[in-house]
Amino acid sequence: MKVRASHILVSNEREANRIFDEIKKGKEFSEMAKRYSSCPSGKGGGDLGFFEKGQMVKEFEDAAFAMKDGEVSRPVKTQFGYHLIKVTGRK
């Protein structure tokens, strides 16, 4: 199975929680990614495309594969920083 996800990467948990709260209040995930993500994917709304197990760091992958389509994660810490993940599809 492959999962398609978008993410927002920031350097600290406090900022990740603030962005998460804004998304829960109705802000568009892709717009928040464009504005705040430090990952180059942010320019495209955070879209990472489809990936399968073994392609992402474990913490990110574990969270993404456990989520439902359309769900936005609470901050997930990896070696790169704090991610907000939104699963957008499966195949």
PDB file of N, CA and C in Angstrom:
ATOM      1  N   MET A   1       0.837  -1.187   0.000  1.00  0.00           N
ATOM      2  CA  MET A   1       0.000   0.000   0.000  1.00  0.00           C
ATOM      3  C   MET A   1       0.879   1.247   0.000  1.00  0.00           C
ATOM      4  N   LYS A   2       0.411   2.275  -0.704  1.00  0.00           N
ATOM      5  CA  LYS A   2       1.074   3.580  -0.723  1.00  0.00           C
ATOM      6  C   LYS A   2       0.127   4.614  -0.126  1.00  0.00           C
ATOM      7  N   VAL A   3       0.716   5.601   0.504  1.00  0.00           N
ATOM      8  CA  VAL A   3      -0.037   6.700   1.104  1.00  0.00           C
ATOM      9  C   VAL A   3       0.432   7.989   0.430  1.00  0.00           C
ATOM     10  N   ARG A   4      -0.502   8.883   0.187  1.00  0.00           N
ATOM     11  CA  ARG A   4      -0.143  10.222  -0.288  1.00  0.00           C
ATOM     12  C   ARG A   4      -0.356  11.177   0.871  1.00  0.00           C
ATOM     13  N   ALA A   5       0.635  12.011   1.120  1.00  0.00           N
ATOM     14  CA  ALA A   5       0.534  12.937   2.239  1.00  0.00           C
ATOM     15  C   ALA A   5       1.161  14.273   1.890  1.00  0.00           C
ATOM     16  N   SER A   6       0.708  15.264   2.621  1.00  0.00           N
ATOM     17  CA  SER A   6       1.315  16.591   2.610  1.00  0.00           C
ATOM     18  C   SER A   6       1.809  16.852   4.021  1.00  0.00           C
ATOM     19  N   HIS A   7       2.775  17.754   4.140  1.00  0.00           N
ATOM     20  CA  HIS A   7       3.241  18.070   5.491  1.00  0.00           C
ATOM     21  C   HIS A   7       3.691  19.521   5.582  1.00  0.00           C
ATOM     22  N   ILE A   8       3.777  19.949   6.831  1.00  0.00           N
ATOM     23  CA  ILE A   8       4.332  21.251   7.179  1.00  0.00           C
ATOM     24  C   ILE A   8       5.463  20.959   8.154  1.00  0.00           C
ATOM     25  N   LEU A   9       6.657  21.416   7.840  1.00  0.00           N
ATOM     26  CA  LEU A   9       7.824  21.179   8.689  1.00  0.00           C
ATOM     27  C   LEU A   9       8.267  22.492   9.326  1.00  0.00           C
ATOM     28  N   VAL A  10       8.362  22.471  10.658  1.00  0.00           N
ATOM     29  CA  VAL A  10       8.856  23.635  11.403  1.00  0.00           C
ATOM     30  C   VAL A  10       9.882  23.157  12.429  1.00  0.00           C
ATOM     31  N   SER A  11      10.622  24.089  12.996  1.00  0.00           N
ATOM     32  CA  SER A  11      11.735  23.713  13.867  1.00  0.00           C
ATOM     33  C   SER A  11      11.366  23.450  15.318  1.00  0.00           C
ATOM     34  N   ASN A  12      10.200  23.941  15.766  1.00  0.00           N
ATOM     35  CA  ASN A  12       9.890  23.725  17.181  1.00  0.00           C
ATOM     36  C   ASN A  12       8.425  23.339  17.392  1.00  0.00           C
ATOM     37  N   GLU A  13       8.199  22.663  18.489  1.00  0.00           N
ATOM     38  CA  GLU A  13       6.880  22.117  18.794  1.00  0.00           C
ATOM     39  C   GLU A  13       5.848  23.211  19.047  1.00  0.00           C
ATOM     40  N   ARG A  14       6.272  24.286  19.649  1.00  0.00           N
ATOM     41  CA  ARG A  14       5.341  25.386  19.943  1.00  0.00           C
ATOM     42  C   ARG A  14       4.744  25.955  18.653  1.00  0.00           C
ATOM     43  N   GLU A  15       5.594  26.193  17.668  1.00  0.00           N
ATOM     44  CA  GLU A  15       5.106  26.702  16.386  1.00  0.00           C
ATOM     45  C   GLU A  15       4.206  25.672  15.706  1.00  0.00           C
ATOM     46  N   ALA A  16       4.597  24.399  15.768  1.00  0.00           N
ATOM     47  CA  ALA A  16       3.775  23.341  15.166  1.00  0.00           C
ATOM     48  C   ALA A  16       2.389  23.300  15.802  1.00  0.00           C
ATOM     49  N   ASN A  17       2.319  23.420  17.113  1.00  0.00           N
ATOM     50  CA  ASN A  17       1.020  23.416  17.801  1.00  0.00           C
ATOM     51  C   ASN A  17       0.180  24.635  17.431  1.00  0.00           C
ATOM     52  N   ARG A  18       0.809  25.781  17.268  1.00  0.00           N
ATOM     53  CA  ARG A  18       0.097  26.996  16.881  1.00  0.00           C
ATOM     54  C   ARG A  18      -0.508  26.827  15.480  1.00  0.00           C
ATOM     55  N   ILE A  19       0.266  26.285  14.559  1.00  0.00           N
ATOM     56  CA  ILE A  19      -0.218  26.064  13.196  1.00  0.00           C
ATOM     57  C   ILE A  19      -1.334  25.019  13.197  1.00  0.00           C
ATOM     58  N   PHE A  20      -1.155  23.948  13.981  1.00  0.00           N
ATOM     59  CA  PHE A  20      -2.193  22.915  14.107  1.00  0.00           C
ATOM     60  C   PHE A  20      -3.507  23.541  14.560  1.00  0.00           C
ATOM     61  N   ASP A  21      -3.440  24.410  15.563  1.00  0.00           N
ATOM     62  CA  ASP A  21      -4.649  25.073  16.073  1.00  0.00           C
ATOM     63  C   ASP A  21      -5.319  25.923  14.994  1.00  0.00           C
ATOM     64  N   GLU A  22      -4.525  26.619  14.190  1.00  0.00           N
ATOM     65  CA  GLU A  22      -5.084  27.450  13.116  1.00  0.00           C
ATOM     66  C   GLU A  22      -5.781  26.581  12.066  1.00  0.00           C
ATOM     67  N   ILE A  23      -5.186  25.445  11.745  1.00  0.00           N
ATOM     68  CA  ILE A  23      -5.801  24.526  10.775  1.00  0.00           C
ATOM     69  C   ILE A  23      -7.116  23.992  11.334  1.00  0.00           C
ATOM     70  N   LYS A  24      -7.135  23.640  12.602  1.00  0.00           N
ATOM     71  CA  LYS A  24      -8.364  23.130  13.215  1.00  0.00           C
ATOM     72  C   LYS A  24      -9.465  24.189  13.233  1.00  0.00           C
ATOM     73  N   LYS A  25      -9.070  25.456  13.234  1.00  0.00           N
ATOM     74  CA  LYS A  25     -10.049  26.547  13.214  1.00  0.00           C
ATOM     75  C   LYS A  25     -10.500  26.884  11.801  1.00  0.00           C
ATOM     76  N   GLY A  26      -9.965  26.173  10.792  1.00  0.00           N
ATOM     77  CA  GLY A  26     -10.443  26.361   9.438  1.00  0.00           C
ATOM     78  C   GLY A  26      -9.439  26.869   8.418  1.00  0.00           C
ATOM     79  N   LYS A  27      -8.213  27.171   8.837  1.00  0.00           N
ATOM     80  CA  LYS A  27      -7.211  27.611   7.865  1.00  0.00           C
ATOM     81  C   LYS A  27      -6.878  26.447   6.931  1.00  0.00           C
ATOM     82  N   GLU A  28      -6.629  26.746   5.670  1.00  0.00           N
ATOM     83  CA  GLU A  28      -6.328  25.744   4.659  1.00  0.00           C
ATOM     84  C   GLU A  28      -4.913  25.189   4.859  1.00  0.00           C
ATOM     85  N   PHE A  29      -4.792  23.857   4.931  1.00  0.00           N
ATOM     86  CA  PHE A  29      -3.507  23.196   5.170  1.00  0.00           C
ATOM     87  C   PHE A  29      -2.463  23.638   4.147  1.00  0.00           C
ATOM     88  N   SER A  30      -2.820  23.607   2.863  1.00  0.00           N
ATOM     89  CA  SER A  30      -1.838  23.920   1.822  1.00  0.00           C
ATOM     90  C   SER A  30      -1.349  25.370   1.920  1.00  0.00           C
ATOM     91  N   GLU A  31      -2.230  26.273   2.290  1.00  0.00           N
ATOM     92  CA  GLU A  31      -1.820  27.667   2.453  1.00  0.00           C
ATOM     93  C   GLU A  31      -0.879  27.831   3.647  1.00  0.00           C
ATOM     94  N   MET A  32      -1.156  27.101   4.701  1.00  0.00           N
ATOM     95  CA  MET A  32      -0.281  27.159   5.882  1.00  0.00           C
ATOM     96  C   MET A  32       1.089  26.557   5.555  1.00  0.00           C
ATOM     97  N   ALA A  33       1.104  25.509   4.731  1.00  0.00           N
ATOM     98  CA  ALA A  33       2.377  24.914   4.310  1.00  0.00           C
ATOM     99  C   ALA A  33       3.191  25.921   3.503  1.00  0.00           C
ATOM    100  N   LYS A  34       2.536  26.619   2.577  1.00  0.00           N
ATOM    101  CA  LYS A  34       3.231  27.613   1.766  1.00  0.00           C
ATOM    102  C   LYS A  34       3.815  28.721   2.635  1.00  0.00           C
ATOM    103  N   ARG A  35       3.085  29.089   3.662  1.00  0.00           N
ATOM    104  CA  ARG A  35       3.502  30.208   4.515  1.00  0.00           C
ATOM    105  C   ARG A  35       4.580  29.813   5.533  1.00  0.00           C
ATOM    106  N   TYR A  36       4.461  28.607   6.135  1.00  0.00           N
ATOM    107  CA  TYR A  36       5.304  28.291   7.287  1.00  0.00           C
ATOM    108  C   TYR A  36       6.306  27.151   7.116  1.00  0.00           C
ATOM    109  N   SER A  37       6.099  26.244   6.171  1.00  0.00           N
ATOM    110  CA  SER A  37       6.958  25.056   6.099  1.00  0.00           C
ATOM    111  C   SER A  37       8.377  25.412   5.660  1.00  0.00           C
ATOM    112  N   SER A  38       9.360  24.832   6.339  1.00  0.00           N
ATOM    113  CA  SER A  38      10.764  25.034   5.970  1.00  0.00           C
ATOM    114  C   SER A  38      11.218  24.018   4.927  1.00  0.00           C
ATOM    115  N   CYS A  39      10.374  23.051   4.597  1.00  0.00           N
ATOM    116  CA  CYS A  39      10.686  22.048   3.579  1.00  0.00           C
ATOM    117  C   CYS A  39      10.409  22.640   2.193  1.00  0.00           C
ATOM    118  N   PRO A  40      11.242  22.331   1.202  1.00  0.00           N
ATOM    119  CA  PRO A  40      10.974  22.811  -0.163  1.00  0.00           C
ATOM    120  C   PRO A  40       9.578  22.425  -0.681  1.00  0.00           C
ATOM    121  N   SER A  41       9.005  21.336  -0.171  1.00  0.00           N
ATOM    122  CA  SER A  41       7.661  20.926  -0.598  1.00  0.00           C
ATOM    123  C   SER A  41       6.596  21.952  -0.190  1.00  0.00           C
ATOM    124  N   GLY A  42       6.914  22.813   0.753  1.00  0.00           N
ATOM    125  CA  GLY A  42       5.971  23.824   1.214  1.00  0.00           C
ATOM    126  C   GLY A  42       5.485  24.722   0.084  1.00  0.00           C
ATOM    127  N   LYS A  43       6.372  25.011  -0.876  1.00  0.00           N
ATOM    128  CA  LYS A  43       5.994  25.868  -2.003  1.00  0.00           C
ATOM    129  C   LYS A  43       4.844  25.283  -2.804  1.00  0.00           C
ATOM    130  N   GLY A  44       4.730  23.955  -2.793  1.00  0.00           N
ATOM    131  CA  GLY A  44       3.649  23.269  -3.488  1.00  0.00           C
ATOM    132  C   GLY A  44       2.530  22.855  -2.560  1.00  0.00           C
ATOM    133  N   GLY A  45       2.411  23.526  -1.424  1.00  0.00           N
ATOM    134  CA  GLY A  45       1.369  23.208  -0.461  1.00  0.00           C
ATOM    135  C   GLY A  45       1.708  22.032   0.437  1.00  0.00           C
ATOM    136  N   GLY A  46       2.954  21.590   0.412  1.00  0.00           N
ATOM    137  CA  GLY A  46       3.414  20.517   1.296  1.00  0.00           C
ATOM    138  C   GLY A  46       3.266  19.116   0.726  1.00  0.00           C
ATOM    139  N   ASP A  47       2.776  18.991  -0.515  1.00  0.00           N
ATOM    140  CA  ASP A  47       2.522  17.673  -1.094  1.00  0.00           C
ATOM    141  C   ASP A  47       3.811  16.886  -1.288  1.00  0.00           C
ATOM    142  N   LEU A  48       3.825  15.663  -0.757  1.00  0.00           N
ATOM    143  CA  LEU A  48       4.971  14.765  -0.899  1.00  0.00           C
ATOM    144  C   LEU A  48       4.713  13.658  -1.911  1.00  0.00           C
ATOM    145  N   GLY A  49       3.512  13.612  -2.462  1.00  0.00           N
ATOM    146  CA  GLY A  49       3.170  12.541  -3.386  1.00  0.00           C
ATOM    147  C   GLY A  49       2.938  11.227  -2.656  1.00  0.00           C
ATOM    148  N   PHE A  50       2.910  10.137  -3.421  1.00  0.00           N
ATOM    149  CA  PHE A  50       2.705   8.806  -2.845  1.00  0.00           C
ATOM    150  C   PHE A  50       4.035   8.219  -2.397  1.00  0.00           C
ATOM    151  N   PHE A  51       4.006   7.499  -1.288  1.00  0.00           N
ATOM    152  CA  PHE A  51       5.196   6.788  -0.803  1.00  0.00           C
ATOM    153  C   PHE A  51       4.756   5.505  -0.120  1.00  0.00           C
ATOM    154  N   GLU A  52       5.674   4.570  -0.046  1.00  0.00           N
ATOM    155  CA  GLU A  52       5.383   3.312   0.635  1.00  0.00           C
ATOM    156  C   GLU A  52       6.292   3.184   1.841  1.00  0.00           C
ATOM    157  N   LYS A  53       6.032   2.160   2.634  1.00  0.00           N
ATOM    158  CA  LYS A  53       6.847   1.952   3.836  1.00  0.00           C
ATOM    159  C   LYS A  53       8.303   1.777   3.434  1.00  0.00           C
ATOM    160  N   GLY A  54       9.168   2.397   4.223  1.00  0.00           N
ATOM    161  CA  GLY A  54      10.597   2.319   3.965  1.00  0.00           C
ATOM    162  C   GLY A  54      11.153   3.527   3.228  1.00  0.00           C
ATOM    163  N   GLN A  55      10.293   4.441   2.813  1.00  0.00           N
ATOM    164  CA  GLN A  55      10.760   5.612   2.060  1.00  0.00           C
ATOM    165  C   GLN A  55      10.905   6.872   2.910  1.00  0.00           C
ATOM    166  N   MET A  56      10.244   6.910   4.049  1.00  0.00           N
ATOM    167  CA  MET A  56      10.293   8.083   4.931  1.00  0.00           C
ATOM    168  C   MET A  56      10.906   7.682   6.266  1.00  0.00           C
ATOM    169  N   VAL A  57      11.292   8.675   7.068  1.00  0.00           N
ATOM    170  CA  VAL A  57      11.803   8.346   8.400  1.00  0.00           C
ATOM    171  C   VAL A  57      10.683   7.686   9.205  1.00  0.00           C
ATOM    172  N   LYS A  58      11.066   6.808  10.113  1.00  0.00           N
ATOM    173  CA  LYS A  58      10.120   5.943  10.812  1.00  0.00           C
ATOM    174  C   LYS A  58       8.986   6.693  11.504  1.00  0.00           C
ATOM    175  N   GLU A  59       9.289   7.746  12.240  1.00  0.00           N
ATOM    176  CA  GLU A  59       8.257   8.469  12.984  1.00  0.00           C
ATOM    177  C   GLU A  59       7.206   9.052  12.041  1.00  0.00           C
ATOM    178  N   PHE A  60       7.670   9.608  10.943  1.00  0.00           N
ATOM    179  CA  PHE A  60       6.765  10.194   9.950  1.00  0.00           C
ATOM    180  C   PHE A  60       5.917   9.101   9.309  1.00  0.00           C
ATOM    181  N   GLU A  61       6.575   8.064   8.885  1.00  0.00           N
ATOM    182  CA  GLU A  61       5.899   6.947   8.223  1.00  0.00           C
ATOM    183  C   GLU A  61       4.867   6.284   9.136  1.00  0.00           C
ATOM    184  N   ASP A  62       5.243   6.019  10.373  1.00  0.00           N
ATOM    185  CA  ASP A  62       4.314   5.386  11.326  1.00  0.00           C
ATOM    186  C   ASP A  62       3.047   6.222  11.481  1.00  0.00           C
ATOM    187  N   ALA A  63       3.227   7.532  11.609  1.00  0.00           N
ATOM    188  CA  ALA A  63       2.069   8.413  11.769  1.00  0.00           C
ATOM    189  C   ALA A  63       1.209   8.417  10.506  1.00  0.00           C
ATOM    190  N   ALA A  64       1.829   8.579   9.355  1.00  0.00           N
ATOM    191  CA  ALA A  64       1.076   8.695   8.102  1.00  0.00           C
ATOM    192  C   ALA A  64       0.282   7.423   7.805  1.00  0.00           C
ATOM    193  N   PHE A  65       0.881   6.263   8.005  1.00  0.00           N
ATOM    194  CA  PHE A  65       0.183   5.013   7.680  1.00  0.00           C
ATOM    195  C   PHE A  65      -0.919   4.686   8.684  1.00  0.00           C
ATOM    196  N   ALA A  66      -0.885   5.307   9.861  1.00  0.00           N
ATOM    197  CA  ALA A  66      -1.914   5.059  10.880  1.00  0.00           C
ATOM    198  C   ALA A  66      -3.103   6.014  10.750  1.00  0.00           C
ATOM    199  N   MET A  67      -2.977   7.030   9.913  1.00  0.00           N
ATOM    200  CA  MET A  67      -4.004   8.065   9.807  1.00  0.00           C
ATOM    201  C   MET A  67      -5.064   7.720   8.777  1.00  0.00           C
ATOM    202  N   LYS A  68      -6.217   8.400   8.903  1.00  0.00           N
ATOM    203  CA  LYS A  68      -7.295   8.290   7.931  1.00  0.00           C
ATOM    204  C   LYS A  68      -7.115   9.378   6.873  1.00  0.00           C
ATOM    205  N   ASP A  69      -7.677   9.152   5.696  1.00  0.00           N
ATOM    206  CA  ASP A  69      -7.635  10.167   4.645  1.00  0.00           C
ATOM    207  C   ASP A  69      -8.284  11.457   5.145  1.00  0.00           C
ATOM    208  N   GLY A  70      -7.619  12.573   4.888  1.00  0.00           N
ATOM    209  CA  GLY A  70      -8.139  13.874   5.281  1.00  0.00           C
ATOM    210  C   GLY A  70      -7.761  14.303   6.690  1.00  0.00           C
ATOM    211  N   GLU A  71      -7.243  13.391   7.471  1.00  0.00           N
ATOM    212  CA  GLU A  71      -6.887  13.687   8.860  1.00  0.00           C
ATOM    213  C   GLU A  71      -5.579  14.488   8.915  1.00  0.00           C
ATOM    214  N   VAL A  72      -5.486  15.393   9.879  1.00  0.00           N
ATOM    215  CA  VAL A  72      -4.263  16.164  10.128  1.00  0.00           C
ATOM    216  C   VAL A  72      -3.711  15.728  11.475  1.00  0.00           C
ATOM    217  N   SER A  73      -2.432  15.382  11.491  1.00  0.00           N
ATOM    218  CA  SER A  73      -1.798  14.898  12.727  1.00  0.00           C
ATOM    219  C   SER A  73      -1.465  16.045  13.667  1.00  0.00           C
ATOM    220  N   ARG A  74      -1.344  15.704  14.915  1.00  0.00           N
ATOM    221  CA  ARG A  74      -0.690  16.589  15.866  1.00  0.00           C
ATOM    222  C   ARG A  74       0.795  16.578  15.492  1.00  0.00           C
ATOM    223  N   PRO A  75       1.630  17.451  16.049  1.00  0.00           N
ATOM    224  CA  PRO A  75       3.043  17.480  15.668  1.00  0.00           C
ATOM    225  C   PRO A  75       3.743  16.132  15.871  1.00  0.00           C
ATOM    226  N   VAL A  76       4.503  15.739  14.847  1.00  0.00           N
ATOM    227  CA  VAL A  76       5.290  14.504  14.869  1.00  0.00           C
ATOM    228  C   VAL A  76       6.750  14.914  14.808  1.00  0.00           C
ATOM    229  N   LYS A  77       7.521  14.511  15.832  1.00  0.00           N
ATOM    230  CA  LYS A  77       8.931  14.892  15.899  1.00  0.00           C
ATOM    231  C   LYS A  77       9.788  13.879  15.150  1.00  0.00           C
ATOM    232  N   THR A  78      10.676  14.394  14.276  1.00  0.00           N
ATOM    233  CA  THR A  78      11.676  13.569  13.605  1.00  0.00           C
ATOM    234  C   THR A  78      13.015  14.284  13.717  1.00  0.00           C
ATOM    235  N   GLN A  79      14.031  13.700  13.122  1.00  0.00           N
ATOM    236  CA  GLN A  79      15.358  14.326  13.137  1.00  0.00           C
ATOM    237  C   GLN A  79      15.371  15.654  12.384  1.00  0.00           C
ATOM    238  N   PHE A  80      14.346  15.909  11.565  1.00  0.00           N
ATOM    239  CA  PHE A  80      14.291  17.128  10.767  1.00  0.00           C
ATOM    240  C   PHE A  80      13.561  18.274  11.457  1.00  0.00           C
ATOM    241  N   GLY A  81      12.759  17.957  12.474  1.00  0.00           N
ATOM    242  CA  GLY A  81      11.972  18.960  13.173  1.00  0.00           C
ATOM    243  C   GLY A  81      10.598  18.406  13.494  1.00  0.00           C
ATOM    244  N   TYR A  82       9.597  19.269  13.469  1.00  0.00           N
ATOM    245  CA  TYR A  82       8.223  18.885  13.814  1.00  0.00           C
ATOM    246  C   TYR A  82       7.345  18.995  12.569  1.00  0.00           C
ATOM    247  N   HIS A  83       6.641  17.912  12.280  1.00  0.00           N
ATOM    248  CA  HIS A  83       5.796  17.830  11.092  1.00  0.00           C
ATOM    249  C   HIS A  83       4.324  17.824  11.477  1.00  0.00           C
ATOM    250  N   LEU A  84       3.517  18.525  10.720  1.00  0.00           N
ATOM    251  CA  LEU A  84       2.079  18.317  10.706  1.00  0.00           C
ATOM    252  C   LEU A  84       1.818  17.565   9.418  1.00  0.00           C
ATOM    253  N   ILE A  85       1.131  16.456   9.504  1.00  0.00           N
ATOM    254  CA  ILE A  85       0.921  15.582   8.349  1.00  0.00           C
ATOM    255  C   ILE A  85      -0.560  15.531   8.018  1.00  0.00           C
ATOM    256  N   LYS A  86      -0.854  15.603   6.727  1.00  0.00           N
ATOM    257  CA  LYS A  86      -2.225  15.417   6.254  1.00  0.00           C
ATOM    258  C   LYS A  86      -2.211  14.329   5.191  1.00  0.00           C
ATOM    259  N   VAL A  87      -2.915  13.237   5.452  1.00  0.00           N
ATOM    260  CA  VAL A  87      -3.015  12.154   4.486  1.00  0.00           C
ATOM    261  C   VAL A  87      -4.088  12.538   3.463  1.00  0.00           C
ATOM    262  N   THR A  88      -3.719  12.441   2.174  1.00  0.00           N
ATOM    263  CA  THR A  88      -4.627  12.882   1.116  1.00  0.00           C
ATOM    264  C   THR A  88      -5.033  11.764   0.160  1.00  0.00           C
ATOM    265  N   GLY A  89      -4.525  10.551   0.379  1.00  0.00           N
ATOM    266  CA  GLY A  89      -4.943   9.445  -0.479  1.00  0.00           C
ATOM    267  C   GLY A  89      -4.189   8.167  -0.187  1.00  0.00           C
ATOM    268  N   ARG A  90      -4.691   7.071  -0.779  1.00  0.00           N
ATOM    269  CA  ARG A  90      -4.073   5.748  -0.651  1.00  0.00           C
ATOM    270  C   ARG A  90      -4.259   4.987  -1.937  1.00  0.00           C
ATOM    271  N   LYS A  91      -3.300   4.096  -2.212  1.00  0.00           N
ATOM    272  CA  LYS A  91      -3.488   3.169  -3.323  1.00  0.00           C
ATOM    273  C   LYS A  91      -2.635   1.933  -3.105  1.00  0.00           C
TER     274      LYS A  91
END
